[in-house]
Amino acid sequence: MKKDISDNARDEKRMQPEEVNMELPEVKDIPGQENIDPPPAGELADTTASSDDEEGKGVLDEVNDADVSDEERELLEQSANADPAYRDERNFQQAALDNRDADGEPLNEEDSVDDLDVPGSELDDESEATGAEDEENNAYSDSDTD
């Protein structure tokens, strides 16, 4: 069984190869190109000068790792052997609190709040420690002194 469609004799005759001479115009004969001078053949090749590092010279020479610090080596080792899926967890485990505030001064967490100057603290009563004092109404309270 033949699957290709065969051409008829007329089409076969028209599809025979033929020799053709095409006459192309010169650049100066093309409208708008009168003042354009084409460069000589081969002139459009890449003649850009490049430095050795752009060409990769020395890349495969013996590796000199003398300029890599110990910290950089450790970080490279960690990045080569670490699973990125656990990076956040590892960072969380390595995190530590600092002992300085936003201004860079040491934290004073051992100090108590008793030494703070709080406006209106002279009006506090014995209910202040439990949080039951009615501070909003201090101005309306009767004084205990007669």
N, C-alpha and C. Protein backbone atom coordinates (compact mmCIF):
# COMPACT_ATOMS: atom_id res chain seq x y z
N MET A 1 0.85 -1.18 0.00
CA MET A 1 0.00 0.00 0.00
C MET A 1 0.89 1.24 0.00
N LYS A 2 0.68 2.11 -0.94
CA LYS A 2 1.46 3.32 -1.09
C LYS A 2 0.73 4.46 -0.38
N LYS A 3 1.48 5.15 0.55
CA LYS A 3 0.84 6.20 1.34
C LYS A 3 1.11 7.58 0.78
N ASP A 4 2.16 7.74 0.01
CA ASP A 4 2.47 9.06 -0.54
C ASP A 4 1.56 9.38 -1.72
N ILE A 5 1.28 10.63 -1.86
CA ILE A 5 0.50 11.09 -3.01
C ILE A 5 1.49 11.35 -4.14
N SER A 6 1.26 10.78 -5.24
CA SER A 6 2.18 10.97 -6.37
C SER A 6 1.76 12.20 -7.16
N ASP A 7 2.78 12.84 -7.75
CA ASP A 7 2.53 14.02 -8.57
C ASP A 7 2.19 13.58 -10.00
N ASN A 8 1.38 14.39 -10.65
CA ASN A 8 1.06 14.06 -12.04
C ASN A 8 2.23 14.47 -12.95
N ALA A 9 2.21 14.09 -14.17
CA ALA A 9 3.32 14.30 -15.11
C ALA A 9 3.59 15.79 -15.32
N ARG A 10 2.56 16.58 -15.37
CA ARG A 10 2.74 18.02 -15.56
C ARG A 10 3.51 18.62 -14.39
N ASP A 11 3.14 18.25 -13.14
CA ASP A 11 3.84 18.76 -11.95
C ASP A 11 5.28 18.25 -11.90
N GLU A 12 5.48 16.99 -12.29
CA GLU A 12 6.83 16.42 -12.30
C GLU A 12 7.73 17.23 -13.21
N LYS A 13 7.20 17.62 -14.36
CA LYS A 13 7.98 18.39 -15.33
C LYS A 13 8.32 19.78 -14.76
N ARG A 14 7.37 20.41 -14.09
CA ARG A 14 7.57 21.75 -13.55
C ARG A 14 8.51 21.74 -12.33
N MET A 15 8.65 20.62 -11.64
CA MET A 15 9.48 20.56 -10.44
C MET A 15 10.92 20.14 -10.74
N GLN A 16 11.27 19.98 -12.00
CA GLN A 16 12.65 19.62 -12.35
C GLN A 16 13.58 20.78 -12.00
N PRO A 17 14.79 20.50 -11.50
CA PRO A 17 15.73 21.57 -11.17
C PRO A 17 16.10 22.35 -12.43
N GLU A 18 16.32 23.62 -12.25
CA GLU A 18 16.71 24.45 -13.37
C GLU A 18 17.80 25.41 -12.90
N GLU A 19 18.60 25.86 -13.81
CA GLU A 19 19.67 26.78 -13.50
C GLU A 19 19.15 28.19 -13.71
N VAL A 20 19.37 29.03 -12.69
CA VAL A 20 18.86 30.39 -12.73
C VAL A 20 19.99 31.35 -12.40
N ASN A 21 20.08 32.42 -13.11
CA ASN A 21 21.02 33.50 -12.82
C ASN A 21 20.23 34.67 -12.28
N MET A 22 20.56 35.07 -11.04
CA MET A 22 19.87 36.22 -10.44
C MET A 22 20.82 37.40 -10.46
N GLU A 23 20.31 38.48 -10.87
CA GLU A 23 21.12 39.68 -10.88
C GLU A 23 20.69 40.55 -9.69
N LEU A 24 21.59 40.66 -8.70
CA LEU A 24 21.30 41.44 -7.50
C LEU A 24 21.87 42.85 -7.67
N PRO A 25 21.17 43.82 -7.18
CA PRO A 25 21.67 45.18 -7.32
C PRO A 25 22.84 45.43 -6.37
N GLU A 26 23.66 46.36 -6.70
CA GLU A 26 24.73 46.78 -5.81
C GLU A 26 24.10 47.65 -4.73
N VAL A 27 24.80 47.78 -3.61
CA VAL A 27 24.27 48.56 -2.49
C VAL A 27 23.98 49.98 -2.92
N LYS A 28 24.84 50.57 -3.74
CA LYS A 28 24.63 51.96 -4.16
C LYS A 28 23.41 52.12 -5.05
N ASP A 29 22.92 51.03 -5.65
CA ASP A 29 21.75 51.10 -6.52
C ASP A 29 20.43 50.96 -5.75
N ILE A 30 20.49 50.62 -4.48
CA ILE A 30 19.28 50.47 -3.67
C ILE A 30 18.89 51.84 -3.14
N PRO A 31 17.64 52.27 -3.34
CA PRO A 31 17.22 53.60 -2.88
C PRO A 31 17.43 53.75 -1.38
N GLY A 32 18.04 54.88 -0.99
CA GLY A 32 18.31 55.15 0.42
C GLY A 32 19.67 54.64 0.87
N GLN A 33 20.34 53.88 0.04
CA GLN A 33 21.63 53.32 0.40
C GLN A 33 22.77 53.93 -0.43
N GLU A 34 22.52 55.05 -1.05
CA GLU A 34 23.50 55.63 -1.96
C GLU A 34 24.81 55.97 -1.26
N ASN A 35 24.76 56.43 -0.03
CA ASN A 35 25.96 56.88 0.68
C ASN A 35 26.54 55.82 1.61
N ILE A 36 26.08 54.62 1.53
CA ILE A 36 26.57 53.53 2.40
C ILE A 36 27.64 52.77 1.65
N ASP A 37 28.79 52.62 2.30
CA ASP A 37 29.87 51.82 1.73
C ASP A 37 29.95 50.51 2.52
N PRO A 38 29.71 49.37 1.87
CA PRO A 38 29.79 48.10 2.59
C PRO A 38 31.24 47.82 3.00
N PRO A 39 31.45 47.23 4.16
CA PRO A 39 32.81 46.93 4.58
C PRO A 39 33.38 45.78 3.75
N PRO A 40 34.69 45.70 3.68
CA PRO A 40 35.29 44.58 2.94
C PRO A 40 34.91 43.24 3.58
N ALA A 41 34.97 42.18 2.80
CA ALA A 41 34.60 40.86 3.29
C ALA A 41 35.49 40.47 4.47
N GLY A 42 34.89 39.92 5.51
CA GLY A 42 35.62 39.50 6.69
C GLY A 42 35.85 40.61 7.69
N GLU A 43 35.49 41.80 7.34
CA GLU A 43 35.72 42.96 8.22
C GLU A 43 34.75 42.97 9.40
N LEU A 44 33.62 42.31 9.26
CA LEU A 44 32.63 42.32 10.34
C LEU A 44 32.91 41.28 11.41
N ALA A 45 34.01 40.58 11.32
CA ALA A 45 34.36 39.59 12.34
C ALA A 45 34.64 40.30 13.65
N ASP A 46 34.49 39.59 14.75
CA ASP A 46 34.69 40.17 16.08
C ASP A 46 36.17 40.44 16.30
N THR A 47 36.50 41.71 16.45
CA THR A 47 37.89 42.09 16.66
C THR A 47 38.08 42.75 18.02
N THR A 48 37.11 42.53 18.95
CA THR A 48 37.18 43.14 20.26
C THR A 48 38.32 42.53 21.05
N ALA A 49 39.18 43.38 21.57
CA ALA A 49 40.27 42.90 22.41
C ALA A 49 39.70 42.54 23.77
N SER A 50 40.19 41.48 24.36
CA SER A 50 39.72 41.09 25.68
C SER A 50 40.90 40.81 26.58
N SER A 51 40.65 40.95 27.88
CA SER A 51 41.71 40.70 28.85
C SER A 51 41.75 39.21 29.19
N ASP A 52 42.81 38.81 29.87
CA ASP A 52 42.98 37.39 30.19
C ASP A 52 41.85 36.85 31.07
N ASP A 53 41.37 37.67 32.01
CA ASP A 53 40.33 37.15 32.89
C ASP A 53 39.02 36.94 32.15
N GLU A 54 38.76 37.70 31.08
CA GLU A 54 37.56 37.48 30.29
C GLU A 54 37.66 36.19 29.49
N GLU A 55 38.85 35.83 29.11
CA GLU A 55 39.05 34.61 28.34
C GLU A 55 39.19 33.38 29.23
N GLY A 56 39.27 33.59 30.54
CA GLY A 56 39.37 32.47 31.47
C GLY A 56 40.78 31.95 31.61
N LYS A 57 41.76 32.75 31.25
CA LYS A 57 43.15 32.31 31.35
C LYS A 57 43.48 32.06 32.82
N GLY A 58 44.04 30.92 33.12
CA GLY A 58 44.44 30.59 34.47
C GLY A 58 43.36 29.94 35.31
N VAL A 59 42.17 29.80 34.77
CA VAL A 59 41.07 29.22 35.55
C VAL A 59 41.37 27.79 35.94
N LEU A 60 41.96 27.04 35.03
CA LEU A 60 42.22 25.63 35.31
C LEU A 60 43.63 25.39 35.83
N ASP A 61 44.37 26.46 36.11
CA ASP A 61 45.69 26.29 36.70
C ASP A 61 45.52 25.75 38.12
N GLU A 62 46.62 25.37 38.73
CA GLU A 62 46.58 24.84 40.08
C GLU A 62 45.86 25.85 41.00
N VAL A 63 44.91 25.36 41.77
CA VAL A 63 44.10 26.22 42.61
C VAL A 63 44.94 26.75 43.77
N ASN A 64 44.90 28.05 43.96
CA ASN A 64 45.59 28.68 45.08
C ASN A 64 44.52 29.16 46.04
N ASP A 65 44.37 28.46 47.16
CA ASP A 65 43.32 28.83 48.12
C ASP A 65 43.89 29.58 49.32
N ALA A 66 45.08 30.14 49.18
CA ALA A 66 45.72 30.82 50.30
C ALA A 66 44.98 32.11 50.68
N ASP A 67 44.19 32.65 49.81
CA ASP A 67 43.50 33.90 50.13
C ASP A 67 42.09 33.68 50.66
N VAL A 68 41.74 32.46 51.05
CA VAL A 68 40.43 32.15 51.62
C VAL A 68 40.58 32.09 53.14
N SER A 69 39.80 32.91 53.85
CA SER A 69 39.91 32.94 55.31
C SER A 69 39.26 31.70 55.92
N ASP A 70 39.54 31.47 57.19
CA ASP A 70 38.96 30.32 57.88
C ASP A 70 37.44 30.43 57.94
N GLU A 71 36.94 31.65 58.17
CA GLU A 71 35.50 31.85 58.21
C GLU A 71 34.87 31.53 56.86
N GLU A 72 35.52 31.97 55.77
CA GLU A 72 35.00 31.68 54.44
C GLU A 72 35.02 30.19 54.16
N ARG A 73 36.07 29.49 54.60
CA ARG A 73 36.11 28.03 54.42
C ARG A 73 34.97 27.36 55.15
N GLU A 74 34.72 27.81 56.38
CA GLU A 74 33.63 27.22 57.17
C GLU A 74 32.28 27.46 56.50
N LEU A 75 32.08 28.69 56.01
CA LEU A 75 30.82 29.00 55.34
C LEU A 75 30.67 28.21 54.05
N LEU A 76 31.76 28.05 53.30
CA LEU A 76 31.71 27.24 52.08
C LEU A 76 31.39 25.79 52.40
N GLU A 77 31.99 25.27 53.45
CA GLU A 77 31.73 23.89 53.87
C GLU A 77 30.26 23.72 54.26
N GLN A 78 29.74 24.68 55.02
CA GLN A 78 28.33 24.61 55.44
C GLN A 78 27.40 24.67 54.23
N SER A 79 27.70 25.57 53.29
CA SER A 79 26.81 25.70 52.14
C SER A 79 26.88 24.49 51.23
N ALA A 80 28.03 23.82 51.17
CA ALA A 80 28.17 22.65 50.31
C ALA A 80 27.47 21.43 50.90
N ASN A 81 27.41 21.36 52.22
CA ASN A 81 26.88 20.16 52.86
C ASN A 81 25.54 20.37 53.54
N ALA A 82 24.97 21.56 53.44
CA ALA A 82 23.71 21.85 54.13
C ALA A 82 22.53 21.61 53.19
N ASP A 83 21.44 21.18 53.78
CA ASP A 83 20.21 21.00 53.03
C ASP A 83 19.40 22.29 53.14
N PRO A 84 19.13 22.96 52.03
CA PRO A 84 18.42 24.24 52.10
C PRO A 84 17.06 24.15 52.79
N ALA A 85 16.46 22.99 52.82
CA ALA A 85 15.15 22.85 53.45
C ALA A 85 15.24 23.09 54.95
N TYR A 86 16.41 22.90 55.53
CA TYR A 86 16.56 23.06 56.97
C TYR A 86 17.32 24.33 57.34
N ARG A 87 17.53 25.23 56.39
CA ARG A 87 18.30 26.45 56.65
C ARG A 87 17.65 27.31 57.73
N ASP A 88 16.34 27.53 57.64
CA ASP A 88 15.67 28.36 58.64
C ASP A 88 15.75 27.73 60.02
N GLU A 89 15.57 26.42 60.08
CA GLU A 89 15.65 25.74 61.38
C GLU A 89 17.05 25.87 61.97
N ARG A 90 18.06 25.72 61.13
CA ARG A 90 19.45 25.83 61.61
C ARG A 90 19.74 27.25 62.08
N ASN A 91 19.27 28.24 61.34
CA ASN A 91 19.47 29.63 61.75
C ASN A 91 18.76 29.91 63.06
N PHE A 92 17.60 29.34 63.24
CA PHE A 92 16.86 29.52 64.48
C PHE A 92 17.63 28.90 65.64
N GLN A 93 18.21 27.72 65.42
CA GLN A 93 18.96 27.06 66.48
C GLN A 93 20.24 27.80 66.83
N GLN A 94 20.82 28.49 65.87
CA GLN A 94 22.06 29.21 66.12
C GLN A 94 21.83 30.64 66.59
N ALA A 95 20.58 31.08 66.60
CA ALA A 95 20.28 32.45 67.00
C ALA A 95 20.53 32.65 68.48
N ALA A 96 20.95 33.84 68.85
CA ALA A 96 21.19 34.17 70.25
C ALA A 96 20.73 35.61 70.48
N LEU A 97 20.27 35.88 71.69
CA LEU A 97 19.87 37.23 72.04
C LEU A 97 21.11 38.07 72.29
N ASP A 98 21.03 39.31 71.92
CA ASP A 98 22.15 40.19 72.24
C ASP A 98 21.87 40.87 73.57
N ASN A 99 22.86 41.55 74.11
CA ASN A 99 22.70 42.18 75.40
C ASN A 99 22.77 43.70 75.28
N ARG A 100 22.37 44.22 74.13
CA ARG A 100 22.39 45.67 73.89
C ARG A 100 21.02 46.11 73.39
N ASP A 101 20.67 47.36 73.68
CA ASP A 101 19.40 47.89 73.20
C ASP A 101 19.60 48.50 71.81
N ALA A 102 18.56 49.16 71.29
CA ALA A 102 18.62 49.71 69.93
C ALA A 102 19.66 50.81 69.80
N ASP A 103 20.01 51.48 70.91
CA ASP A 103 21.02 52.53 70.88
C ASP A 103 22.42 51.98 71.08
N GLY A 104 22.54 50.66 71.28
CA GLY A 104 23.85 50.05 71.48
C GLY A 104 24.30 50.05 72.93
N GLU A 105 23.46 50.50 73.84
CA GLU A 105 23.82 50.53 75.25
C GLU A 105 23.48 49.18 75.89
N PRO A 106 24.25 48.78 76.89
CA PRO A 106 23.96 47.50 77.56
C PRO A 106 22.56 47.51 78.17
N LEU A 107 21.90 46.35 78.11
CA LEU A 107 20.57 46.23 78.70
C LEU A 107 20.68 46.27 80.22
N ASN A 108 19.67 46.84 80.86
CA ASN A 108 19.65 46.92 82.32
C ASN A 108 18.46 46.14 82.85
N GLU A 109 18.38 44.88 82.51
CA GLU A 109 17.24 44.07 82.89
C GLU A 109 17.22 43.72 84.37
N GLU A 110 18.38 43.84 85.03
CA GLU A 110 18.43 43.53 86.45
C GLU A 110 17.82 44.65 87.29
N ASP A 111 17.74 45.86 86.74
CA ASP A 111 17.18 46.98 87.48
C ASP A 111 15.69 46.78 87.66
N SER A 112 15.16 47.29 88.77
CA SER A 112 13.73 47.14 89.01
C SER A 112 13.01 48.40 88.54
N VAL A 113 11.71 48.31 88.45
CA VAL A 113 10.92 49.45 88.02
C VAL A 113 10.63 50.39 89.18
N ASP A 114 11.03 50.02 90.41
CA ASP A 114 10.75 50.84 91.57
C ASP A 114 11.50 52.17 91.54
N ASP A 115 12.62 52.20 90.81
CA ASP A 115 13.41 53.44 90.79
C ASP A 115 13.05 54.36 89.62
N LEU A 116 12.00 54.06 88.86
CA LEU A 116 11.59 54.91 87.76
C LEU A 116 10.81 56.11 88.26
N ASP A 117 11.01 57.25 87.62
CA ASP A 117 10.24 58.45 87.96
C ASP A 117 8.99 58.45 87.10
N VAL A 118 7.86 58.14 87.73
CA VAL A 118 6.58 58.07 87.02
C VAL A 118 5.70 59.21 87.53
N PRO A 119 5.28 60.10 86.62
CA PRO A 119 4.41 61.19 87.07
C PRO A 119 3.14 60.66 87.73
N GLY A 120 2.77 61.21 88.87
CA GLY A 120 1.56 60.80 89.57
C GLY A 120 1.76 59.63 90.49
N SER A 121 2.98 59.12 90.59
CA SER A 121 3.21 57.95 91.44
C SER A 121 3.04 58.27 92.92
N GLU A 122 3.14 59.55 93.27
CA GLU A 122 2.95 59.93 94.68
C GLU A 122 1.49 59.73 95.12
N LEU A 123 0.59 59.62 94.16
CA LEU A 123 -0.82 59.41 94.46
C LEU A 123 -1.19 57.94 94.58
N ASP A 124 -0.22 57.04 94.31
CA ASP A 124 -0.51 55.61 94.38
C ASP A 124 -0.82 55.20 95.82
N ASP A 125 -1.69 54.22 95.95
CA ASP A 125 -2.01 53.71 97.29
C ASP A 125 -1.64 52.23 97.39
N GLU A 126 -2.04 51.58 98.45
CA GLU A 126 -1.67 50.17 98.67
C GLU A 126 -2.26 49.23 97.62
N SER A 127 -3.28 49.65 96.89
CA SER A 127 -3.89 48.81 95.86
C SER A 127 -3.08 48.81 94.56
N GLU A 128 -2.04 49.66 94.47
CA GLU A 128 -1.24 49.79 93.24
C GLU A 128 -0.54 48.48 92.90
N ALA A 129 0.00 47.79 93.86
CA ALA A 129 0.78 46.57 93.62
C ALA A 129 -0.08 45.48 92.99
N THR A 130 -1.36 45.42 93.36
CA THR A 130 -2.23 44.37 92.81
C THR A 130 -2.90 44.81 91.53
N GLY A 131 -2.77 46.08 91.15
CA GLY A 131 -3.37 46.57 89.93
C GLY A 131 -4.83 46.96 90.11
N ALA A 132 -5.30 47.07 91.37
CA ALA A 132 -6.70 47.38 91.63
C ALA A 132 -6.95 48.86 91.87
N GLU A 133 -5.90 49.67 91.82
CA GLU A 133 -6.08 51.09 92.10
C GLU A 133 -6.84 51.76 90.95
N ASP A 134 -7.69 52.69 91.29
CA ASP A 134 -8.47 53.44 90.32
C ASP A 134 -7.74 54.74 90.01
N GLU A 135 -6.72 54.68 89.14
CA GLU A 135 -5.86 55.83 88.88
C GLU A 135 -6.60 56.96 88.19
N GLU A 136 -7.60 56.64 87.37
CA GLU A 136 -8.30 57.67 86.64
C GLU A 136 -9.04 58.62 87.57
N ASN A 137 -9.44 58.14 88.73
CA ASN A 137 -10.23 58.97 89.65
C ASN A 137 -9.41 59.52 90.80
N ASN A 138 -8.09 59.48 90.73
CA ASN A 138 -7.26 60.02 91.82
C ASN A 138 -7.57 61.48 92.07
N ALA A 139 -7.83 62.25 91.03
CA ALA A 139 -8.09 63.68 91.22
C ALA A 139 -9.41 63.93 91.95
N TYR A 140 -10.34 62.96 91.91
CA TYR A 140 -11.64 63.14 92.53
C TYR A 140 -11.74 62.49 93.90
N SER A 141 -10.71 61.76 94.29
CA SER A 141 -10.76 61.04 95.57
C SER A 141 -10.67 62.03 96.73
N ASP A 142 -11.34 61.66 97.82
CA ASP A 142 -11.23 62.46 99.04
C ASP A 142 -9.88 62.20 99.67
N SER A 143 -9.32 63.23 100.21
CA SER A 143 -8.04 63.02 100.88
C SER A 143 -8.30 62.40 102.23
N ASP A 144 -7.34 61.63 102.72
CA ASP A 144 -7.50 60.95 104.00
C ASP A 144 -7.13 61.87 105.16
N THR A 145 -6.61 62.99 104.88
CA THR A 145 -6.20 63.91 105.93
C THR A 145 -7.32 64.91 106.19
N ASP A 146 -7.66 65.13 107.48
CA ASP A 146 -8.71 66.11 107.84
C ASP A 146 -8.13 67.24 108.62
